[in-house]
Amino acid sequence: MLFFGYANCPEFCPATLTTLALMKKRLRASGAAVLPQVIFISVDAQRDTPQLLAKYVPYFDPEFIGVTAAYQPSFEALARDFGVSVIIEPKQADGSYMVDHSSTIMVLDPSGKLAAILTGPFTAESLQADFQRIVAGPA
């Protein structure tokens, strides 16, 4: 499961990572045969260093992976490939800036093929149900 966001996000990103962690705990508790690998892909290469993500992402779940780019245009090409919109607002006088981004979760199959695009609002229960349906395949 790929989730695009950024560590300085004030609300949506930490809430979604918390929900993904809870979903994974629910799947584990239910004895699910397949658990998702959650990958958080930063849309803010300037601030989200590998060191920052190494502390931020495992806070939600130690098995989550955080990925960033050394160069913002590299990330933007990946985002476009996945249809993720990213808008970096102009910097303020104090150097701060906001980032606006799509709020979807991409589900990839083990071969890396896009299996689903999930849209919010997200709850642990709905994500668990969606994930289990995707893993089960067509009925």
N, C-alpha and C. Protein backbone atom coordinates (compact mmCIF):
# COMPACT_ATOMS: atom_id res chain seq x y z
N MET A 1 0.86 -1.16 0.00
CA MET A 1 0.00 0.00 0.00
C MET A 1 0.90 1.22 0.00
N LEU A 2 0.72 2.08 -0.99
CA LEU A 2 1.50 3.31 -1.11
C LEU A 2 0.64 4.49 -0.67
N PHE A 3 1.22 5.31 0.19
CA PHE A 3 0.55 6.52 0.62
C PHE A 3 1.51 7.68 0.43
N PHE A 4 1.10 8.66 -0.35
CA PHE A 4 1.91 9.84 -0.62
C PHE A 4 1.56 10.93 0.38
N GLY A 5 2.56 11.51 1.03
CA GLY A 5 2.32 12.56 2.00
C GLY A 5 3.61 13.25 2.38
N TYR A 6 3.59 13.93 3.52
CA TYR A 6 4.81 14.59 3.99
C TYR A 6 4.77 14.71 5.51
N ALA A 7 5.95 14.70 6.11
CA ALA A 7 6.06 14.64 7.56
C ALA A 7 5.55 15.89 8.25
N ASN A 8 5.61 17.05 7.61
CA ASN A 8 5.13 18.28 8.21
C ASN A 8 3.64 18.51 8.02
N CYS A 9 2.97 17.55 7.45
CA CYS A 9 1.52 17.65 7.23
C CYS A 9 0.84 17.82 8.59
N PRO A 10 0.00 18.82 8.72
CA PRO A 10 -0.58 19.10 10.03
C PRO A 10 -1.64 18.10 10.50
N GLU A 11 -2.33 17.43 9.58
CA GLU A 11 -3.45 16.63 10.04
C GLU A 11 -3.65 15.35 9.24
N PHE A 12 -3.84 15.45 7.94
CA PHE A 12 -4.26 14.31 7.14
C PHE A 12 -3.25 13.16 7.14
N CYS A 13 -1.98 13.48 6.93
CA CYS A 13 -0.97 12.42 6.83
C CYS A 13 -0.81 11.63 8.12
N PRO A 14 -0.63 12.30 9.26
CA PRO A 14 -0.51 11.49 10.49
C PRO A 14 -1.79 10.70 10.80
N ALA A 15 -2.94 11.27 10.49
CA ALA A 15 -4.19 10.55 10.74
C ALA A 15 -4.28 9.31 9.84
N THR A 16 -3.87 9.44 8.59
CA THR A 16 -3.93 8.30 7.66
C THR A 16 -2.92 7.23 8.05
N LEU A 17 -1.71 7.63 8.44
CA LEU A 17 -0.72 6.65 8.88
C LEU A 17 -1.19 5.92 10.14
N THR A 18 -1.84 6.64 11.04
CA THR A 18 -2.40 6.01 12.24
C THR A 18 -3.48 5.00 11.87
N THR A 19 -4.32 5.37 10.92
CA THR A 19 -5.39 4.48 10.47
C THR A 19 -4.82 3.24 9.77
N LEU A 20 -3.79 3.44 8.95
CA LEU A 20 -3.14 2.29 8.30
C LEU A 20 -2.52 1.35 9.34
N ALA A 21 -1.92 1.91 10.37
CA ALA A 21 -1.32 1.08 11.42
C ALA A 21 -2.40 0.28 12.16
N LEU A 22 -3.51 0.93 12.45
CA LEU A 22 -4.61 0.24 13.12
C LEU A 22 -5.19 -0.85 12.23
N MET A 23 -5.32 -0.57 10.93
CA MET A 23 -5.81 -1.58 9.99
C MET A 23 -4.90 -2.80 10.01
N LYS A 24 -3.59 -2.56 10.00
CA LYS A 24 -2.64 -3.68 9.99
C LYS A 24 -2.75 -4.49 11.28
N LYS A 25 -2.92 -3.82 12.41
CA LYS A 25 -3.11 -4.52 13.68
C LYS A 25 -4.37 -5.37 13.66
N ARG A 26 -5.43 -4.83 13.08
CA ARG A 26 -6.70 -5.57 12.98
C ARG A 26 -6.53 -6.81 12.09
N LEU A 27 -5.82 -6.64 10.97
CA LEU A 27 -5.58 -7.78 10.09
C LEU A 27 -4.77 -8.86 10.81
N ARG A 28 -3.73 -8.43 11.51
CA ARG A 28 -2.89 -9.38 12.25
C ARG A 28 -3.72 -10.11 13.31
N ALA A 29 -4.54 -9.38 14.05
CA ALA A 29 -5.37 -9.97 15.10
C ALA A 29 -6.40 -10.94 14.54
N SER A 30 -6.85 -10.68 13.30
CA SER A 30 -7.86 -11.56 12.69
C SER A 30 -7.23 -12.82 12.08
N GLY A 31 -5.90 -12.90 12.12
CA GLY A 31 -5.22 -14.06 11.55
C GLY A 31 -5.11 -14.02 10.04
N ALA A 32 -5.17 -12.83 9.47
CA ALA A 32 -5.08 -12.69 8.01
C ALA A 32 -3.80 -13.34 7.49
N ALA A 33 -3.92 -14.07 6.40
CA ALA A 33 -2.78 -14.75 5.81
C ALA A 33 -1.83 -13.77 5.12
N VAL A 34 -2.37 -12.64 4.68
CA VAL A 34 -1.57 -11.64 3.96
C VAL A 34 -1.70 -10.30 4.68
N LEU A 35 -0.56 -9.69 4.96
CA LEU A 35 -0.53 -8.37 5.56
C LEU A 35 0.09 -7.40 4.56
N PRO A 36 -0.39 -6.18 4.52
CA PRO A 36 0.17 -5.22 3.57
C PRO A 36 1.52 -4.68 4.03
N GLN A 37 2.36 -4.34 3.06
CA GLN A 37 3.55 -3.55 3.34
C GLN A 37 3.17 -2.12 3.03
N VAL A 38 3.21 -1.26 4.02
CA VAL A 38 2.85 0.14 3.83
C VAL A 38 4.11 0.93 3.54
N ILE A 39 4.05 1.70 2.45
CA ILE A 39 5.17 2.55 2.06
C ILE A 39 4.67 3.98 1.99
N PHE A 40 5.28 4.83 2.80
CA PHE A 40 4.97 6.26 2.83
C PHE A 40 5.96 6.95 1.90
N ILE A 41 5.46 7.58 0.84
CA ILE A 41 6.31 8.26 -0.13
C ILE A 41 6.17 9.76 0.09
N SER A 42 7.26 10.38 0.44
CA SER A 42 7.24 11.82 0.73
C SER A 42 7.06 12.62 -0.56
N VAL A 43 6.23 13.65 -0.45
CA VAL A 43 6.04 14.59 -1.56
C VAL A 43 6.82 15.88 -1.29
N ASP A 44 7.64 15.89 -0.25
CA ASP A 44 8.37 17.08 0.16
C ASP A 44 9.85 16.74 0.33
N ALA A 45 10.55 16.61 -0.80
CA ALA A 45 11.95 16.20 -0.78
C ALA A 45 12.84 17.19 -0.04
N GLN A 46 12.47 18.44 -0.03
CA GLN A 46 13.32 19.44 0.62
C GLN A 46 13.40 19.24 2.13
N ARG A 47 12.28 18.94 2.77
CA ARG A 47 12.27 18.80 4.24
C ARG A 47 12.33 17.36 4.71
N ASP A 48 11.78 16.44 3.94
CA ASP A 48 11.70 15.05 4.39
C ASP A 48 12.96 14.28 4.00
N THR A 49 13.98 14.41 4.81
CA THR A 49 15.24 13.72 4.59
C THR A 49 15.09 12.24 4.97
N PRO A 50 15.99 11.40 4.50
CA PRO A 50 15.94 10.00 4.93
C PRO A 50 16.03 9.87 6.46
N GLN A 51 16.83 10.72 7.10
CA GLN A 51 16.97 10.66 8.55
C GLN A 51 15.65 11.01 9.24
N LEU A 52 14.96 12.03 8.73
CA LEU A 52 13.68 12.42 9.32
C LEU A 52 12.65 11.31 9.15
N LEU A 53 12.56 10.76 7.94
CA LEU A 53 11.57 9.71 7.70
C LEU A 53 11.90 8.44 8.49
N ALA A 54 13.19 8.19 8.73
CA ALA A 54 13.59 7.01 9.52
C ALA A 54 13.07 7.10 10.95
N LYS A 55 12.81 8.30 11.43
CA LYS A 55 12.24 8.48 12.76
C LYS A 55 10.72 8.62 12.71
N TYR A 56 10.22 9.33 11.71
CA TYR A 56 8.80 9.66 11.62
C TYR A 56 7.94 8.44 11.28
N VAL A 57 8.27 7.75 10.22
CA VAL A 57 7.41 6.68 9.70
C VAL A 57 7.29 5.49 10.67
N PRO A 58 8.38 4.99 11.25
CA PRO A 58 8.25 3.86 12.19
C PRO A 58 7.49 4.21 13.47
N TYR A 59 7.32 5.47 13.75
CA TYR A 59 6.53 5.86 14.91
C TYR A 59 5.12 5.27 14.81
N PHE A 60 4.59 5.20 13.61
CA PHE A 60 3.23 4.68 13.39
C PHE A 60 3.21 3.15 13.39
N ASP A 61 4.21 2.55 12.76
CA ASP A 61 4.35 1.09 12.74
C ASP A 61 5.81 0.82 12.37
N PRO A 62 6.51 0.01 13.16
CA PRO A 62 7.93 -0.23 12.88
C PRO A 62 8.19 -0.91 11.54
N GLU A 63 7.16 -1.52 10.94
CA GLU A 63 7.34 -2.18 9.65
C GLU A 63 7.05 -1.26 8.47
N PHE A 64 6.51 -0.10 8.71
CA PHE A 64 6.25 0.85 7.62
C PHE A 64 7.59 1.34 7.06
N ILE A 65 7.59 1.63 5.78
CA ILE A 65 8.79 2.11 5.10
C ILE A 65 8.53 3.55 4.64
N GLY A 66 9.51 4.42 4.84
CA GLY A 66 9.43 5.79 4.36
C GLY A 66 10.42 6.00 3.23
N VAL A 67 9.97 6.67 2.17
CA VAL A 67 10.80 6.90 1.00
C VAL A 67 10.76 8.38 0.65
N THR A 68 11.90 8.92 0.30
CA THR A 68 11.98 10.30 -0.15
C THR A 68 12.90 10.36 -1.35
N ALA A 69 12.89 11.48 -2.02
CA ALA A 69 13.78 11.70 -3.17
C ALA A 69 14.82 12.73 -2.78
N ALA A 70 15.99 12.61 -3.35
CA ALA A 70 17.04 13.60 -3.09
C ALA A 70 16.76 14.88 -3.86
N TYR A 71 15.85 14.79 -4.82
CA TYR A 71 15.63 15.89 -5.76
C TYR A 71 14.13 15.93 -6.06
N GLN A 72 13.46 17.03 -5.77
CA GLN A 72 12.01 17.14 -5.90
C GLN A 72 11.49 16.74 -7.30
N PRO A 73 12.12 17.17 -8.39
CA PRO A 73 11.60 16.76 -9.71
C PRO A 73 11.58 15.24 -9.91
N SER A 74 12.49 14.51 -9.26
CA SER A 74 12.47 13.05 -9.37
C SER A 74 11.19 12.50 -8.79
N PHE A 75 10.81 13.03 -7.64
CA PHE A 75 9.57 12.58 -7.02
C PHE A 75 8.37 12.96 -7.87
N GLU A 76 8.37 14.19 -8.39
CA GLU A 76 7.22 14.67 -9.15
C GLU A 76 6.93 13.80 -10.36
N ALA A 77 7.98 13.24 -10.97
CA ALA A 77 7.78 12.31 -12.10
C ALA A 77 7.08 11.04 -11.62
N LEU A 78 7.50 10.51 -10.48
CA LEU A 78 6.85 9.33 -9.91
C LEU A 78 5.40 9.62 -9.56
N ALA A 79 5.16 10.77 -8.94
CA ALA A 79 3.80 11.15 -8.57
C ALA A 79 2.91 11.21 -9.80
N ARG A 80 3.40 11.83 -10.86
CA ARG A 80 2.62 11.91 -12.11
C ARG A 80 2.28 10.52 -12.63
N ASP A 81 3.26 9.60 -12.56
CA ASP A 81 3.02 8.23 -13.03
C ASP A 81 1.87 7.57 -12.28
N PHE A 82 1.70 7.91 -11.01
CA PHE A 82 0.63 7.35 -10.20
C PHE A 82 -0.62 8.23 -10.17
N GLY A 83 -0.59 9.35 -10.88
CA GLY A 83 -1.75 10.23 -10.90
C GLY A 83 -1.92 11.01 -9.62
N VAL A 84 -0.85 11.21 -8.88
CA VAL A 84 -0.90 11.95 -7.62
C VAL A 84 -0.61 13.42 -7.90
N SER A 85 -1.48 14.26 -7.43
CA SER A 85 -1.31 15.70 -7.59
C SER A 85 -0.53 16.25 -6.40
N VAL A 86 0.48 17.06 -6.69
CA VAL A 86 1.28 17.71 -5.64
C VAL A 86 1.45 19.18 -6.01
N ILE A 87 1.08 20.04 -5.09
CA ILE A 87 1.25 21.48 -5.29
C ILE A 87 2.01 22.02 -4.08
N ILE A 88 3.18 22.57 -4.35
CA ILE A 88 3.95 23.19 -3.27
C ILE A 88 3.68 24.68 -3.34
N GLU A 89 3.09 25.19 -2.27
CA GLU A 89 2.72 26.60 -2.20
C GLU A 89 3.98 27.46 -2.15
N PRO A 90 3.91 28.69 -2.66
CA PRO A 90 5.08 29.58 -2.57
C PRO A 90 5.50 29.78 -1.11
N LYS A 91 6.80 29.91 -0.93
CA LYS A 91 7.33 30.11 0.42
C LYS A 91 6.86 31.43 0.99
N GLN A 92 6.64 31.41 2.29
CA GLN A 92 6.29 32.62 3.04
C GLN A 92 7.57 33.38 3.37
N ALA A 93 7.43 34.57 3.89
CA ALA A 93 8.58 35.39 4.25
C ALA A 93 9.50 34.68 5.24
N ASP A 94 8.92 33.85 6.11
CA ASP A 94 9.74 33.14 7.11
C ASP A 94 10.35 31.85 6.57
N GLY A 95 10.13 31.55 5.27
CA GLY A 95 10.69 30.35 4.65
C GLY A 95 9.80 29.13 4.73
N SER A 96 8.69 29.24 5.47
CA SER A 96 7.78 28.09 5.58
C SER A 96 6.92 27.98 4.32
N TYR A 97 6.39 26.82 4.10
CA TYR A 97 5.50 26.59 2.97
C TYR A 97 4.60 25.39 3.26
N MET A 98 3.50 25.34 2.55
CA MET A 98 2.56 24.22 2.69
C MET A 98 2.63 23.38 1.41
N VAL A 99 2.24 22.14 1.55
CA VAL A 99 2.20 21.22 0.42
C VAL A 99 0.78 20.67 0.34
N ASP A 100 0.22 20.71 -0.84
CA ASP A 100 -1.10 20.13 -1.07
C ASP A 100 -0.90 18.90 -1.94
N HIS A 101 -1.58 17.81 -1.60
CA HIS A 101 -1.38 16.57 -2.35
C HIS A 101 -2.65 15.73 -2.35
N SER A 102 -2.69 14.81 -3.30
CA SER A 102 -3.81 13.87 -3.39
C SER A 102 -3.87 13.04 -2.12
N SER A 103 -5.06 12.60 -1.79
CA SER A 103 -5.25 11.85 -0.55
C SER A 103 -5.75 10.44 -0.84
N THR A 104 -5.02 9.73 -1.66
CA THR A 104 -5.40 8.37 -2.01
C THR A 104 -4.36 7.38 -1.50
N ILE A 105 -4.77 6.15 -1.42
CA ILE A 105 -3.86 5.06 -1.10
C ILE A 105 -3.86 4.12 -2.30
N MET A 106 -2.68 3.83 -2.81
CA MET A 106 -2.54 2.92 -3.94
C MET A 106 -2.23 1.52 -3.40
N VAL A 107 -2.91 0.53 -3.93
CA VAL A 107 -2.64 -0.86 -3.55
C VAL A 107 -2.01 -1.54 -4.75
N LEU A 108 -0.79 -2.05 -4.53
CA LEU A 108 -0.08 -2.77 -5.58
C LEU A 108 -0.09 -4.25 -5.26
N ASP A 109 -0.15 -5.06 -6.31
CA ASP A 109 -0.07 -6.50 -6.08
C ASP A 109 1.41 -6.87 -5.91
N PRO A 110 1.72 -8.12 -5.56
CA PRO A 110 3.12 -8.49 -5.33
C PRO A 110 4.04 -8.27 -6.52
N SER A 111 3.50 -8.22 -7.72
CA SER A 111 4.34 -7.98 -8.90
C SER A 111 4.55 -6.49 -9.17
N GLY A 112 3.91 -5.63 -8.37
CA GLY A 112 4.05 -4.20 -8.54
C GLY A 112 2.99 -3.56 -9.41
N LYS A 113 2.02 -4.35 -9.84
CA LYS A 113 0.93 -3.83 -10.67
C LYS A 113 -0.12 -3.17 -9.78
N LEU A 114 -0.63 -2.03 -10.23
CA LEU A 114 -1.67 -1.32 -9.48
C LEU A 114 -2.93 -2.18 -9.42
N ALA A 115 -3.35 -2.51 -8.21
CA ALA A 115 -4.55 -3.34 -8.01
C ALA A 115 -5.76 -2.51 -7.65
N ALA A 116 -5.55 -1.37 -6.97
CA ALA A 116 -6.68 -0.54 -6.55
C ALA A 116 -6.18 0.83 -6.13
N ILE A 117 -7.08 1.79 -6.23
CA ILE A 117 -6.85 3.13 -5.71
C ILE A 117 -7.97 3.38 -4.70
N LEU A 118 -7.59 3.58 -3.45
CA LEU A 118 -8.57 3.78 -2.38
C LEU A 118 -8.67 5.27 -2.07
N THR A 119 -9.90 5.73 -1.92
CA THR A 119 -10.13 7.12 -1.59
C THR A 119 -10.81 7.21 -0.23
N GLY A 120 -10.57 8.31 0.46
CA GLY A 120 -11.11 8.50 1.81
C GLY A 120 -12.55 8.96 1.78
N PRO A 121 -13.10 9.17 2.94
CA PRO A 121 -12.39 9.12 4.23
C PRO A 121 -12.06 7.68 4.60
N PHE A 122 -10.92 7.55 5.29
CA PHE A 122 -10.43 6.22 5.65
C PHE A 122 -10.75 5.90 7.10
N THR A 123 -11.17 4.65 7.32
CA THR A 123 -11.27 4.10 8.67
C THR A 123 -10.51 2.78 8.64
N ALA A 124 -10.07 2.33 9.80
CA ALA A 124 -9.36 1.05 9.86
C ALA A 124 -10.25 -0.08 9.36
N GLU A 125 -11.53 -0.01 9.69
CA GLU A 125 -12.47 -1.06 9.29
C GLU A 125 -12.65 -1.09 7.77
N SER A 126 -12.82 0.09 7.16
CA SER A 126 -13.04 0.12 5.71
C SER A 126 -11.77 -0.29 4.96
N LEU A 127 -10.61 0.15 5.44
CA LEU A 127 -9.36 -0.25 4.79
C LEU A 127 -9.13 -1.75 4.92
N GLN A 128 -9.44 -2.31 6.08
CA GLN A 128 -9.29 -3.75 6.27
C GLN A 128 -10.19 -4.50 5.30
N ALA A 129 -11.44 -4.08 5.20
CA ALA A 129 -12.38 -4.75 4.29
C ALA A 129 -11.92 -4.63 2.84
N ASP A 130 -11.49 -3.43 2.46
CA ASP A 130 -11.01 -3.23 1.09
C ASP A 130 -9.80 -4.11 0.81
N PHE A 131 -8.84 -4.12 1.73
CA PHE A 131 -7.63 -4.90 1.53
C PHE A 131 -7.96 -6.39 1.41
N GLN A 132 -8.82 -6.89 2.28
CA GLN A 132 -9.18 -8.30 2.23
C GLN A 132 -9.90 -8.66 0.92
N ARG A 133 -10.74 -7.76 0.43
CA ARG A 133 -11.42 -7.99 -0.85
C ARG A 133 -10.41 -8.03 -2.00
N ILE A 134 -9.46 -7.13 -1.97
CA ILE A 134 -8.43 -7.09 -3.03
C ILE A 134 -7.59 -8.35 -3.00
N VAL A 135 -7.17 -8.77 -1.82
CA VAL A 135 -6.33 -9.98 -1.68
C VAL A 135 -7.11 -11.21 -2.14
N ALA A 136 -8.41 -11.27 -1.84
CA ALA A 136 -9.22 -12.43 -2.21
C ALA A 136 -9.39 -12.55 -3.73
N GLY A 137 -9.29 -11.43 -4.43
CA GLY A 137 -9.43 -11.45 -5.88
C GLY A 137 -10.89 -11.50 -6.30
N PRO A 138 -11.11 -11.63 -7.61
CA PRO A 138 -12.48 -11.65 -8.13
C PRO A 138 -13.26 -12.84 -7.59
N ALA A 139 -14.51 -12.59 -7.31
CA ALA A 139 -15.37 -13.66 -6.78
C ALA A 139 -15.82 -14.60 -7.86
